[in-house]
């Protein structure tokens, strides 16, 4: 009897596995010899804090039990601890990351869109978010009817070396802010006064540094600050309906 021919698929499989990167498809130890690609991606640790924005005379609150996720990488999540602190231990280095916070009693909130560094850690990523009641109060103050299909944008034009972690005002006074692409001027910018209350009559930042745009159509935007003699970081924002995007210090419109 003639010897049985080996099925063609048995000869093709080793070659296919070699093409896919397996050095030895039939290793003696029973393994495939394939590299574990899960460990080929470099990661960094990202950490930060969730603060409840408050009016003057009231210390910042700490938002515990909030869910923190990444818009571009929804499988990566964590929860803030009792001090409002969070840690994401393994986030792909060099990736885009818009951090999102969901918590009872607060609007859904996002940070700016980061391009993560190639090596870490990335620390002090912050959320600075008013509670639902204060959010509604500020909208009433500005006579804004919040559009659930639009987003609200806030940032702080910040002096060199200052951030939300420092006591007192940390804004760069005398700056103006633009949003690209441009939107209806009736939607902003509105600057915050030194009393930390938005004032539609202001034409530039005060020592508070705050600025907002209301009911911004969904899309991707770049936020820029300008002042003679001062350069600032620009900020990329992922603006989705029903979100409050706050590019808060130290990763907002930082003076360089």
Protein backbone atom coordinates (compact mmCIF):
# COMPACT_ATOMS: atom_id res chain seq x y z
CA UNK A 1 0.00 0.00 0.00
CA UNK A 2 1.34 3.44 -0.89
CA UNK A 3 2.12 5.67 2.11
CA UNK A 4 -0.72 8.03 3.06
CA UNK A 5 -0.04 11.57 1.97
CA UNK A 6 0.04 14.20 4.71
CA UNK A 7 -2.96 16.51 4.40
CA UNK A 8 -1.91 19.78 2.81
CA UNK A 9 -3.27 21.83 5.74
CA UNK A 10 -0.72 20.18 8.08
CA UNK A 11 2.12 21.47 5.94
CA UNK A 12 0.62 24.94 5.58
CA UNK A 13 -0.01 25.47 9.31
CA UNK A 14 3.67 25.57 10.42
CA UNK A 15 4.51 28.00 7.62
CA UNK A 16 1.54 30.21 8.47
CA UNK A 17 2.49 30.30 12.14
CA UNK A 18 6.04 31.25 11.22
CA UNK A 19 4.75 34.12 9.11
CA UNK A 20 2.65 35.28 12.07
CA UNK A 21 5.76 35.46 14.23
CA UNK A 22 6.03 32.02 15.91
CA UNK A 23 9.62 30.85 16.01
CA UNK A 24 8.79 27.17 16.69
CA UNK A 25 5.14 26.11 16.19
CA UNK A 26 5.82 22.65 17.68
CA UNK A 27 8.24 23.39 20.55
CA UNK A 28 9.21 20.53 22.86
CA UNK A 29 7.59 22.21 25.87
CA UNK A 30 4.19 22.20 24.17
CA UNK A 31 4.13 25.94 23.68
CA UNK A 32 3.67 27.58 20.30
CA UNK A 33 6.84 29.63 20.55
CA UNK A 34 4.85 32.78 19.80
CA UNK A 35 5.77 36.02 21.50
CA UNK A 36 3.30 37.29 24.08
CA UNK A 37 2.27 40.51 22.36
CA UNK A 38 0.37 41.68 25.45
CA UNK A 39 3.75 42.58 26.98
CA UNK A 40 5.09 44.33 23.88
CA UNK A 41 3.07 47.51 24.52
CA UNK A 42 4.76 50.03 26.79
CA UNK A 43 2.49 51.49 29.46
CA UNK A 44 2.64 54.35 31.94
CA UNK A 45 0.86 55.11 35.20
CA UNK A 46 -1.64 57.99 35.23
CA UNK A 47 -2.91 59.47 38.49
CA UNK A 48 -4.88 62.49 39.58
CA UNK A 49 -7.66 63.94 41.68
CA UNK A 50 -11.34 64.84 41.37
CA UNK A 51 -12.25 68.17 42.98
CA UNK A 52 -15.71 69.62 43.46
CA UNK A 53 -15.70 73.25 42.27
CA UNK A 54 -17.14 75.59 44.90
CA UNK A 55 -17.91 79.28 45.31
CA UNK A 56 -15.61 81.60 47.30
CA UNK A 57 -15.41 80.93 51.01
CA UNK A 58 -15.99 77.20 50.63
CA UNK A 59 -13.04 74.79 50.37
CA UNK A 60 -12.84 72.42 47.43
CA UNK A 61 -14.70 69.19 47.96
CA UNK A 62 -13.23 65.80 47.10
CA UNK A 63 -15.29 63.57 44.83
CA UNK A 64 -15.17 60.01 46.18
CA UNK A 65 -16.58 56.97 44.40
CA UNK A 66 -16.45 58.53 40.94
CA UNK A 67 -15.85 56.30 37.93
CA UNK A 68 -12.85 57.41 35.88
CA UNK A 69 -12.44 56.09 32.34
CA UNK A 70 -10.71 56.93 29.07
CA UNK A 71 -12.94 57.88 26.12
CA UNK A 72 -10.55 56.44 23.52
CA UNK A 73 -9.85 53.30 25.60
CA UNK A 74 -13.12 52.43 27.36
CA UNK A 75 -11.78 49.19 28.82
CA UNK A 76 -9.52 51.13 31.19
CA UNK A 77 -11.42 52.30 34.29
CA UNK A 78 -10.95 52.95 37.98
CA UNK A 79 -12.75 54.56 40.92
CA UNK A 80 -11.70 57.53 43.04
CA UNK A 81 -10.92 56.81 46.69
CA UNK A 82 -12.25 58.70 49.73
CA UNK A 83 -9.80 61.52 49.05
CA UNK A 84 -10.92 61.83 45.42
CA UNK A 85 -7.64 60.34 44.20
CA UNK A 86 -7.39 57.87 41.32
CA UNK A 87 -4.68 55.75 39.72
CA UNK A 88 -4.68 54.05 36.32
CA UNK A 89 -1.57 51.85 36.53
CA UNK A 90 -1.26 50.70 32.91
CA UNK A 91 -2.22 53.08 30.12
CA UNK A 92 -0.57 52.68 26.69
CA UNK A 93 2.30 55.13 26.34
CA UNK A 94 2.00 57.65 23.52
CA UNK A 95 -1.74 57.09 23.13
CA UNK A 96 -4.52 59.67 23.02
CA UNK A 97 -6.45 59.89 26.27
CA UNK A 98 -9.47 62.00 27.18
CA UNK A 99 -10.27 61.19 30.81
CA UNK A 100 -13.95 61.09 31.78
CA UNK A 101 -15.61 61.21 35.20
CA UNK A 102 -19.09 59.97 36.10
CA UNK A 103 -20.33 60.55 39.66
CA UNK A 104 -23.70 60.91 41.35
CA UNK A 105 -24.63 64.55 41.83
CA UNK A 106 -22.25 65.87 39.16
CA UNK A 107 -22.48 66.43 35.40
CA UNK A 108 -20.57 63.99 33.20
CA UNK A 109 -17.14 65.57 32.89
CA UNK A 110 -14.03 65.32 30.74
CA UNK A 111 -10.47 66.60 30.76
CA UNK A 112 -8.61 67.87 27.75
CA UNK A 113 -7.36 65.27 25.27
CA UNK A 114 -3.83 64.23 26.22
CA UNK A 115 -1.14 62.73 24.06
CA UNK A 116 0.43 60.59 26.75
CA UNK A 117 4.21 60.66 27.18
CA UNK A 118 6.37 57.75 26.07
CA UNK A 119 7.47 57.22 29.65
CA UNK A 120 5.72 58.13 32.85
CA UNK A 121 4.28 58.59 35.25
CA UNK A 122 1.73 61.29 34.34
CA UNK A 123 0.57 62.85 37.60
CA UNK A 124 -1.97 65.43 38.80
CA UNK A 125 -4.56 64.93 36.08
CA UNK A 126 -7.46 66.87 37.57
CA UNK A 127 -11.21 67.15 37.40
CA UNK A 128 -12.63 70.43 38.78
CA UNK A 129 -16.39 70.04 38.52
CA UNK A 130 -19.37 71.84 40.09
CA UNK A 131 -22.15 69.75 41.57
CA UNK A 132 -25.47 69.60 39.73
CA UNK A 133 -27.02 72.32 41.92
CA UNK A 134 -24.14 74.76 41.45
CA UNK A 135 -24.01 73.93 37.73
CA UNK A 136 -27.70 74.88 37.43
CA UNK A 137 -27.14 78.05 39.49
CA UNK A 138 -24.32 79.21 37.22
CA UNK A 139 -26.44 78.52 34.14
CA UNK A 140 -29.26 80.62 35.61
CA UNK A 141 -26.82 83.39 36.46
CA UNK A 142 -25.75 83.54 32.81
CA UNK A 143 -29.32 83.08 31.50
CA UNK A 144 -28.18 79.94 29.68
CA UNK A 145 -30.63 77.16 28.93
CA UNK A 146 -28.37 74.12 28.84
CA UNK A 147 -28.69 72.20 25.57
CA UNK A 148 -28.34 68.45 26.28
CA UNK A 149 -27.02 67.94 22.74
CA UNK A 150 -24.16 70.39 23.26
CA UNK A 151 -21.18 70.51 25.62
CA UNK A 152 -19.99 73.13 28.07
CA UNK A 153 -16.31 74.14 28.03
CA UNK A 154 -14.32 75.60 30.93
CA UNK A 155 -10.63 76.25 31.45
CA UNK A 156 -8.24 78.35 33.51
CA UNK A 157 -5.55 80.59 32.05
CA UNK A 158 -2.85 79.88 34.61
CA UNK A 159 0.31 81.71 35.67
CA UNK A 160 3.70 80.06 35.31
CA UNK A 161 4.27 77.46 38.00
CA UNK A 162 0.75 77.63 39.44
CA UNK A 163 -2.02 75.04 39.54
CA UNK A 164 -5.16 74.00 41.35
CA UNK A 165 -2.91 72.49 44.03
CA UNK A 166 -1.69 75.95 45.10
CA UNK A 167 -3.50 78.20 47.56
CA UNK A 168 -5.10 81.41 46.36
CA UNK A 169 -5.72 82.71 42.85
CA UNK A 170 -3.52 81.17 40.17
CA UNK A 171 -4.84 82.84 37.00
CA UNK A 172 -2.95 84.95 34.45
CA UNK A 173 -4.85 88.25 34.26
CA UNK A 174 -5.20 90.20 31.02
CA UNK A 175 -5.36 87.28 28.57
CA UNK A 176 -7.97 86.58 25.91
CA UNK A 177 -9.14 83.13 24.85
CA UNK A 178 -10.28 81.75 21.50
CA UNK A 179 -11.87 78.48 20.41
CA UNK A 180 -11.03 76.90 17.04
CA UNK A 181 -13.06 76.36 14.96
CA UNK A 182 -14.90 79.50 16.00
CA UNK A 183 -18.47 79.41 17.29
CA UNK A 184 -21.26 81.94 17.77
CA UNK A 185 -19.80 84.75 19.95
CA UNK A 186 -22.97 84.64 22.05
CA UNK A 187 -21.69 81.30 23.41
CA UNK A 188 -18.46 82.78 24.77
CA UNK A 189 -15.86 83.39 25.89
CA UNK A 190 -17.20 84.49 29.27
CA UNK A 191 -14.48 85.30 31.78
CA UNK A 192 -14.61 84.76 35.54
CA UNK A 193 -14.21 87.75 37.82
CA UNK A 194 -11.79 87.89 40.72
CA UNK A 195 -14.75 86.75 42.84
CA UNK A 196 -14.76 83.45 40.87
CA UNK A 197 -18.13 84.24 39.30
CA UNK A 198 -18.50 84.40 35.48
CA UNK A 199 -19.18 87.94 34.23
CA UNK A 200 -20.36 88.45 30.62
CA UNK A 201 -19.17 92.08 30.74
CA UNK A 202 -15.50 91.12 31.08
CA UNK A 203 -13.33 91.14 27.94
CA UNK A 204 -10.25 89.39 29.35
CA UNK A 205 -9.17 87.15 32.20
CA UNK A 206 -8.84 88.32 35.78
CA UNK A 207 -6.52 86.93 38.45
CA UNK A 208 -8.94 84.00 38.72
CA UNK A 209 -8.09 83.01 35.12
CA UNK A 210 -11.38 81.23 34.50
CA UNK A 211 -13.15 81.22 31.13
CA UNK A 212 -16.16 79.35 29.75
CA UNK A 213 -18.06 78.66 26.54
CA UNK A 214 -21.68 77.50 26.75
CA UNK A 215 -23.71 75.16 24.53
CA UNK A 216 -20.82 74.37 22.19
CA UNK A 217 -21.74 72.09 19.25
CA UNK A 218 -20.23 68.62 19.49
CA UNK A 219 -16.84 68.23 17.82
CA UNK A 220 -13.10 68.59 18.30
CA UNK A 221 -11.74 72.01 19.28
CA UNK A 222 -8.49 73.75 20.13
CA UNK A 223 -8.49 76.28 22.96
CA UNK A 224 -5.86 79.05 22.87
CA UNK A 225 -4.91 81.94 25.16
CA UNK A 226 -3.14 85.13 24.09
CA UNK A 227 -1.40 87.95 25.95
CA UNK A 228 1.45 90.20 24.86
CA UNK A 229 4.75 88.88 26.12
CA UNK A 230 3.35 85.56 27.35
CA UNK A 231 3.14 82.17 25.61
CA UNK A 232 0.60 79.54 26.59
CA UNK A 233 0.00 75.85 26.08
CA UNK A 234 -2.87 75.21 23.66
CA UNK A 235 -5.51 72.64 24.58
CA UNK A 236 -7.29 70.04 22.43
CA UNK A 237 -10.84 69.18 23.50
CA UNK A 238 -13.19 66.33 22.62
CA UNK A 239 -16.59 67.97 22.95
CA UNK A 240 -19.55 65.58 23.14
CA UNK A 241 -23.16 66.43 23.86
CA UNK A 242 -24.13 66.27 27.51
CA UNK A 243 -20.59 66.71 28.86
CA UNK A 244 -18.75 69.41 30.78
CA UNK A 245 -15.18 69.66 29.50
CA UNK A 246 -12.82 71.36 31.92
CA UNK A 247 -9.18 71.70 30.90
CA UNK A 248 -8.17 72.39 34.49
CA UNK A 249 -4.71 73.17 35.91
CA UNK A 250 -2.05 72.00 35.67
CA UNK A 251 -3.07 70.82 32.18
CA UNK A 252 -5.12 73.76 30.97
CA UNK A 253 -4.06 77.02 29.33
CA UNK A 254 -0.75 77.13 31.19
CA UNK A 255 1.63 80.06 30.78
CA UNK A 256 5.07 78.87 29.66
